Protein backbone atom coordinates (compact mmCIF):
# COMPACT_ATOMS: atom_id res chain seq x y z
CA UNK A 1 94.38 74.48 139.87
CA UNK A 2 95.73 73.53 136.85
CA UNK A 3 98.49 75.64 135.04
CA UNK A 4 96.60 77.57 131.74
CA UNK A 5 97.22 75.78 128.65
CA UNK A 6 99.62 78.35 126.63
CA UNK A 7 98.45 79.18 123.04
CA UNK A 8 99.54 77.93 119.87
CA UNK A 9 99.66 79.68 116.61
CA UNK A 10 96.43 78.76 114.80
CA UNK A 11 96.53 77.16 111.08
CA UNK A 12 94.14 78.35 108.56
CA UNK A 13 93.52 76.17 104.77
CA UNK A 14 92.45 79.08 102.07
CA UNK A 15 92.60 77.01 99.54
CA UNK A 16 88.27 76.69 99.55
CA UNK A 17 88.18 80.26 99.45
CA UNK A 18 89.67 80.58 95.83
CA UNK A 19 87.84 77.50 94.16
CA UNK A 20 85.26 76.22 96.36
CA UNK A 21 81.17 76.98 96.14
CA UNK A 22 80.03 79.65 97.95
CA UNK A 23 79.06 77.87 101.24
CA UNK A 24 82.81 76.88 101.59
CA UNK A 25 84.43 80.08 100.95
CA UNK A 26 82.36 81.93 103.89
CA UNK A 27 83.25 78.50 105.96
CA UNK A 28 86.96 79.79 104.58
CA UNK A 29 86.55 83.32 105.12
CA UNK A 30 84.58 82.75 109.26
CA UNK A 31 87.92 80.64 110.19
CA UNK A 32 90.57 83.34 108.85
CA UNK A 33 88.30 85.90 110.29
CA UNK A 34 88.30 84.34 113.86
CA UNK A 35 91.64 83.06 113.72
CA UNK A 36 92.90 86.50 113.47
CA UNK A 37 91.08 87.64 116.68
CA UNK A 38 92.75 85.85 119.43
CA UNK A 39 96.71 86.27 118.70
CA UNK A 40 96.85 88.38 115.19
CA UNK A 41 98.74 85.77 113.91
CA UNK A 42 98.10 82.85 111.67
CA UNK A 43 99.69 80.47 109.65
CA UNK A 44 98.24 80.42 106.13
CA UNK A 45 98.26 77.18 103.64
CA UNK A 46 96.43 77.37 100.15
CA UNK A 47 97.25 81.06 100.23
CA UNK A 48 98.06 80.83 96.32
CA UNK A 49 101.26 81.34 95.89
CA UNK A 50 102.84 78.78 94.15
CA UNK A 51 106.06 76.33 95.58
CA UNK A 52 108.46 76.58 92.67
CA UNK A 53 107.60 80.81 92.96
CA UNK A 54 108.43 81.07 96.41
CA UNK A 55 111.79 78.42 95.81
CA UNK A 56 112.70 81.00 92.64
CA UNK A 57 112.26 83.75 95.35
CA UNK A 58 114.39 82.41 98.10
CA UNK A 59 116.95 81.45 95.14
CA UNK A 60 117.06 84.90 94.42
CA UNK A 61 117.47 86.35 97.68
CA UNK A 62 120.69 84.09 98.65
CA UNK A 63 122.08 84.86 94.84
CA UNK A 64 121.62 88.58 96.20
CA UNK A 65 122.91 88.18 99.71
CA UNK A 66 126.34 86.15 98.42
CA UNK A 67 127.47 88.96 96.39
CA UNK A 68 130.21 91.10 97.62
CA UNK A 69 129.58 93.67 99.73
CA UNK A 70 131.17 96.07 97.72
CA UNK A 71 128.34 94.93 94.65
CA UNK A 72 125.38 95.05 97.28
CA UNK A 73 126.08 98.58 98.21
CA UNK A 74 125.82 99.69 94.15
CA UNK A 75 121.68 99.57 95.51
CA UNK A 76 122.59 101.18 98.90
CA UNK A 77 119.51 102.55 101.59
CA UNK A 78 120.18 106.14 101.73
CA UNK A 79 120.48 107.30 105.76
CA UNK A 80 117.14 107.71 105.81
CA UNK A 81 113.74 106.42 106.13
CA UNK A 82 112.75 107.50 102.70
CA UNK A 83 112.94 105.86 100.38
CA UNK A 84 112.63 102.40 102.04
CA UNK A 85 114.71 101.12 99.14
CA UNK A 86 117.46 98.91 98.45
CA UNK A 87 120.32 97.11 100.11
CA UNK A 88 120.96 97.48 103.81
CA UNK A 89 124.35 95.37 105.04
CA UNK A 90 124.04 94.71 108.96
CA UNK A 91 124.00 97.46 111.68
CA UNK A 92 122.26 100.00 109.42
CA UNK A 93 118.80 99.61 110.46
CA UNK A 94 116.82 99.82 114.26
CA UNK A 95 113.86 98.02 114.53
CA UNK A 96 111.92 99.26 117.46
CA UNK A 97 108.90 98.64 118.97
CA UNK A 98 106.11 101.26 118.86
CA UNK A 99 105.98 102.14 122.54
CA UNK A 100 109.86 103.09 122.06
CA UNK A 101 108.49 105.79 119.66
CA UNK A 102 108.16 108.65 122.20
CA UNK A 103 110.46 107.26 124.89
CA UNK A 104 112.34 110.01 126.98
CA UNK A 105 115.34 108.16 126.69
CA UNK A 106 115.21 107.65 122.72
CA UNK A 107 114.02 111.55 122.41
CA UNK A 108 116.31 112.99 124.23
CA UNK A 109 119.40 110.62 121.99
CA UNK A 110 117.64 111.04 118.70
CA UNK A 111 117.58 107.58 118.67
CA UNK A 112 120.55 106.81 119.50
CA UNK A 113 120.05 104.80 122.27
CA UNK A 114 118.20 102.60 120.27
CA UNK A 115 121.46 101.64 118.93
CA UNK A 116 123.23 99.95 122.02
CA UNK A 117 122.39 96.69 120.36
CA UNK A 118 122.76 96.33 116.72
CA UNK A 119 120.88 94.36 114.59
CA UNK A 120 122.60 91.54 112.88
CA UNK A 121 120.93 91.14 109.07
CA UNK A 122 120.90 92.64 105.97
CA UNK A 123 117.67 93.16 103.87
CA UNK A 124 116.74 94.50 100.35
CA UNK A 125 113.74 96.84 99.89
CA UNK A 126 111.41 96.88 96.84
CA UNK A 127 107.95 98.58 96.26
CA UNK A 128 106.25 99.16 93.09
CA UNK A 129 107.57 100.89 90.17
CA UNK A 130 104.57 103.05 90.15
CA UNK A 131 105.26 104.58 93.58
CA UNK A 132 107.10 107.99 92.61
CA UNK A 133 106.86 108.46 96.69
CA UNK A 134 109.50 105.97 97.03
CA UNK A 135 111.09 105.09 94.51
CA UNK A 136 112.84 101.56 93.71
CA UNK A 137 116.58 101.41 93.95
CA UNK A 138 118.40 98.61 92.22
CA UNK A 139 121.17 97.19 91.39
CA UNK A 140 122.84 97.48 87.96
CA UNK A 141 121.62 94.94 85.90
CA UNK A 142 124.64 93.10 85.06
CA UNK A 143 125.55 92.43 88.54
CA UNK A 144 122.39 90.08 88.90
CA UNK A 145 121.21 89.67 85.82
CA UNK A 146 116.70 89.12 85.99
CA UNK A 147 116.89 89.82 89.46
CA UNK A 148 114.77 93.22 89.04
CA UNK A 149 112.66 91.47 86.22
CA UNK A 150 111.69 88.64 88.59
CA UNK A 151 111.07 90.26 91.77
CA UNK A 152 108.82 93.11 89.97
CA UNK A 153 106.44 90.19 88.91
CA UNK A 154 107.04 88.64 92.70
CA UNK A 155 105.88 91.57 94.34
CA UNK A 156 102.69 91.42 92.30
CA UNK A 157 101.98 87.43 92.50
CA UNK A 158 102.12 88.59 96.40
CA UNK A 159 99.43 91.48 96.41
CA UNK A 160 97.25 89.20 94.99
CA UNK A 161 97.62 86.78 97.36
CA UNK A 162 96.61 89.71 99.85
CA UNK A 163 94.23 91.05 98.38
CA UNK A 164 92.57 87.55 98.03
CA UNK A 165 93.18 87.21 102.06
CA UNK A 166 92.47 90.69 102.45
CA UNK A 167 89.22 90.08 100.98
CA UNK A 168 88.54 87.12 102.91
CA UNK A 169 89.17 88.82 106.05
CA UNK A 170 86.41 91.17 105.20
CA UNK A 171 83.69 88.27 104.47
CA UNK A 172 84.33 86.68 107.20
CA UNK A 173 83.96 89.99 109.12
CA UNK A 174 80.47 90.28 107.32
CA UNK A 175 81.29 93.87 105.86
CA UNK A 176 78.26 94.88 104.15
CA UNK A 177 79.92 94.92 99.68
CA UNK A 178 80.01 98.73 99.73
CA UNK A 179 82.25 98.23 103.05
CA UNK A 180 83.98 96.00 101.80
CA UNK A 181 84.74 97.66 98.15
CA UNK A 182 86.11 100.71 100.49
CA UNK A 183 88.66 98.31 102.42
CA UNK A 184 89.91 96.70 98.61
CA UNK A 185 89.75 100.44 97.66
CA UNK A 186 92.51 101.34 100.36
CA UNK A 187 94.68 98.99 99.76
CA UNK A 188 95.38 99.16 95.67
CA UNK A 189 98.73 97.85 95.70
CA UNK A 190 101.01 100.61 95.08
CA UNK A 191 103.04 101.09 98.04
CA UNK A 192 103.37 97.64 99.32
CA UNK A 193 107.02 96.47 100.28
CA UNK A 194 108.80 93.43 99.59
CA UNK A 195 111.49 92.90 101.81
CA UNK A 196 114.36 90.37 101.16
CA UNK A 197 116.52 89.16 104.63
CA UNK A 198 119.01 87.58 105.67
CA UNK A 199 120.38 86.49 108.77
CA UNK A 200 124.07 85.82 108.71
CA UNK A 201 125.63 83.18 110.89
CA UNK A 202 126.15 84.54 114.57
CA UNK A 203 127.84 83.74 117.94
CA UNK A 204 124.89 82.13 119.76
CA UNK A 205 126.70 83.94 122.47
CA UNK A 206 126.72 87.51 121.11
CA UNK A 207 122.78 86.82 121.14
CA UNK A 208 122.36 85.93 124.22
CA UNK A 209 124.05 87.90 125.89
CA UNK A 210 122.79 90.70 124.13
CA UNK A 211 125.40 92.68 122.48
CA UNK A 212 123.35 92.31 119.07
CA UNK A 213 119.96 90.97 118.35
CA UNK A 214 118.11 89.28 114.87
CA UNK A 215 115.68 91.52 115.37
CA UNK A 216 114.05 92.87 118.09
CA UNK A 217 110.31 92.75 118.86
CA UNK A 218 107.94 94.81 117.33
CA UNK A 219 105.02 95.30 115.52
CA UNK A 220 104.42 96.05 111.86
CA UNK A 221 102.72 99.61 111.07
CA UNK A 222 101.60 98.07 108.00
CA UNK A 223 97.45 97.12 107.50
CA UNK A 224 99.09 93.33 107.50
CA UNK A 225 102.21 91.17 106.50
CA UNK A 226 102.17 87.85 104.75
CA UNK A 227 105.76 86.20 105.47
CA UNK A 228 107.41 83.77 103.90
CA UNK A 229 110.29 81.92 105.82
CA UNK A 230 112.91 79.12 105.09
CA UNK A 231 113.29 76.12 108.07
CA UNK A 232 115.96 77.79 109.56
CA UNK A 233 113.12 78.91 112.94
CA UNK A 234 113.72 81.31 115.03
CA UNK A 235 110.68 83.37 115.13
CA UNK A 236 108.46 84.27 118.21
CA UNK A 237 105.52 85.59 118.53
CA UNK A 238 104.51 87.00 122.23
CA UNK A 239 101.53 86.16 123.74
CA UNK A 240 98.87 89.21 124.35
CA UNK A 241 97.26 87.25 127.01
CA UNK A 242 101.10 87.18 129.01
CA UNK A 243 103.41 89.80 128.31
CA UNK A 244 106.80 88.27 127.74
CA UNK A 245 105.80 84.62 126.47
CA UNK A 246 107.24 84.24 123.37
CA UNK A 247 105.66 81.25 121.27
CA UNK A 248 107.66 79.90 118.49
CA UNK A 249 106.60 80.30 115.08
CA UNK A 250 107.91 76.87 113.05
CA UNK A 251 108.56 76.94 109.24
CA UNK A 252 105.56 74.99 107.56
CA UNK A 253 106.81 74.19 104.31
CA UNK A 254 104.90 76.23 101.76
CA UNK A 255 103.23 78.21 104.41
CA UNK A 256 102.84 81.57 105.89
CA UNK A 257 102.52 83.63 108.81
CA UNK A 258 99.46 86.63 108.98
CA UNK A 259 100.21 89.12 111.34
CA UNK A 260 97.74 91.63 112.08
CA UNK A 261 99.27 95.13 111.49
CA UNK A 262 98.80 98.12 113.70
CA UNK A 263 96.75 100.24 110.42
CA UNK A 264 94.70 97.02 110.31
CA UNK A 265 94.23 97.37 114.26
CA UNK A 266 92.77 100.41 114.18
CA UNK A 267 90.65 99.58 110.92
CA UNK A 268 89.16 96.67 112.88
CA UNK A 269 88.63 99.61 116.02
CA UNK A 270 90.62 96.59 117.65
CA UNK A 271 88.81 93.91 116.68
CA UNK A 272 92.18 92.29 115.81
CA UNK A 273 95.02 93.10 117.95
CA UNK A 274 98.76 94.14 116.09
CA UNK A 275 101.12 90.92 116.64
CA UNK A 276 104.33 91.95 118.66
CA UNK A 277 107.19 89.42 117.30
CA UNK A 278 110.46 89.11 116.72
CA UNK A 279 113.31 86.82 115.72
CA UNK A 280 115.75 85.29 118.25
CA UNK A 281 118.01 82.60 119.07
CA UNK A 282 117.00 79.87 116.42
CA UNK A 283 116.65 76.01 117.72
CA UNK A 284 118.75 75.01 115.14
CA UNK A 285 122.47 75.81 115.46
CA UNK A 286 126.10 74.47 113.71
CA UNK A 287 129.20 73.75 115.84
CA UNK A 288 132.49 75.19 113.80
CA UNK A 289 134.67 73.10 115.42
CA UNK A 290 136.11 75.39 118.07
CA UNK A 291 133.50 74.70 120.62
CA UNK A 292 131.66 77.76 119.64
CA UNK A 293 127.61 77.23 119.15
CA UNK A 294 126.91 79.29 115.61
CA UNK A 295 123.32 80.11 114.18
CA UNK A 296 122.14 78.92 111.23
CA UNK A 297 122.01 81.63 108.13
CA UNK A 298 118.26 82.24 108.07
CA UNK A 299 116.53 83.84 105.42
CA UNK A 300 113.24 85.19 105.32
CA UNK A 301 110.64 87.05 102.75
CA UNK A 302 108.10 89.32 104.39
CA UNK A 303 105.55 91.42 102.35
CA UNK A 304 103.84 94.28 103.59
CA UNK A 305 100.37 95.31 102.86
CA UNK A 306 99.41 98.38 103.02
CA UNK A 307 97.35 101.34 102.69
CA UNK A 308 98.78 104.30 99.85
CA UNK A 309 101.03 106.84 101.21
CA UNK A 310 97.92 109.53 101.29
CA UNK A 311 95.16 107.12 102.22
CA UNK A 312 93.04 108.06 105.62
CA UNK A 313 93.01 105.41 107.87
CA UNK A 314 89.98 105.09 110.49
CA UNK A 315 88.04 102.59 112.13
CA UNK A 316 85.41 101.07 109.56
CA UNK A 317 81.83 102.24 110.46
CA UNK A 318 80.35 98.75 111.05
CA UNK A 319 82.97 98.01 113.72
CA UNK A 320 81.91 100.96 115.89
CA UNK A 321 79.02 100.55 118.18
CA UNK A 322 77.33 102.78 120.92
CA UNK A 323 78.89 100.10 123.87
CA UNK A 324 82.49 100.01 121.57
CA UNK A 325 83.17 103.92 120.26
CA UNK A 326 85.74 104.33 117.11
CA UNK A 327 89.31 104.14 119.82
CA UNK A 328 91.29 105.76 117.32
CA UNK A 329 91.30 109.38 115.07
CA UNK A 330 91.23 108.97 111.69
CA UNK A 331 95.22 109.49 110.36
CA UNK A 332 97.31 109.35 107.37
CA UNK A 333 99.09 106.69 106.55
CA UNK A 334 102.34 108.10 105.55
CA UNK A 335 102.13 110.65 108.72
CA UNK A 336 102.18 107.59 110.78
CA UNK A 337 104.91 105.55 109.27
CA UNK A 338 107.01 108.51 109.49
CA UNK A 339 106.47 108.52 113.48
CA UNK A 340 107.08 104.82 113.72
CA UNK A 341 110.01 105.28 111.25
CA UNK A 342 111.65 108.07 112.63
CA UNK A 343 114.79 106.19 114.64
CA UNK A 344 115.00 103.59 111.79
CA UNK A 345 118.16 104.85 109.69
CA UNK A 346 119.99 107.22 110.60
CA UNK A 347 123.33 109.11 109.05
CA UNK A 348 126.44 107.73 110.31
CA UNK A 349 128.37 110.11 112.90
CA UNK A 350 131.37 111.80 111.37
CA UNK A 351 134.10 112.24 113.27
CA UNK A 352 135.80 115.78 113.48
């Protein structure tokens, strides 16, 4: 009996959805919806974000992370999950899986057990300036002139792409016009999150021996994420059919990776499954000349597309049938996010 073939992450070109005739639009929508069902992970081209804009965003990201620690700490992320904004140095944030949220060790230790292995990455979180519940934390303009203006523009440009992708998924599900309109209203754009990520070079031995981690396996709790990555590699998706087996999401120039999040799994009543993914040891390494393998620096830009904080998220009526009842009770998005992010940030321990 032959071995089962390892799945591959599908690639979908959406260019005809925004520019083609109605027939071609529907074909692209169907392809995207079908591709999203099995893995919850899809590489998308023709997503509407220009290569020039993406290059500029990565240039700004590199400028940001090249600043001194003291300069970056002029916009510090607080030692709590709200507001989830500003700069986080390596080790401040801890990413963990959904199944660990209510783990006995985690609850008993108040999250400290999660931090035995620190995440070796730094990030900067940005939202809409129209979101009073998550106010932005900006660097002084004199430190990085033009950064704030560009990032707010980039935030809303990515929202346009996310709205188009949501529309395409809804059309691919053949939702009624009223249901699609409600789905779009659930995601007006003010509560999305733009994240700049930098994974500094680190000894491969430290990663292999789990002294530090890049980003452990987890799901996102938004509806879905648009991820742009450089050519370093390291992003991996867990195969839902073979838990523990991770598939590399190899970088493709000018593409994005769409991964389904917890909210869309609920909205679709498990038609789509939230995608477990991680950032592990990349295949490309550099040698420092002392026989120590060191990972390349990695840059990525995820954009988390989410309902507003006070939105009630429930299964779409058309996704519920007599033989497939609703798998989830309605939930307020901010309540779910508070549960998922409870231990992501913690105040530093004070020595007595």
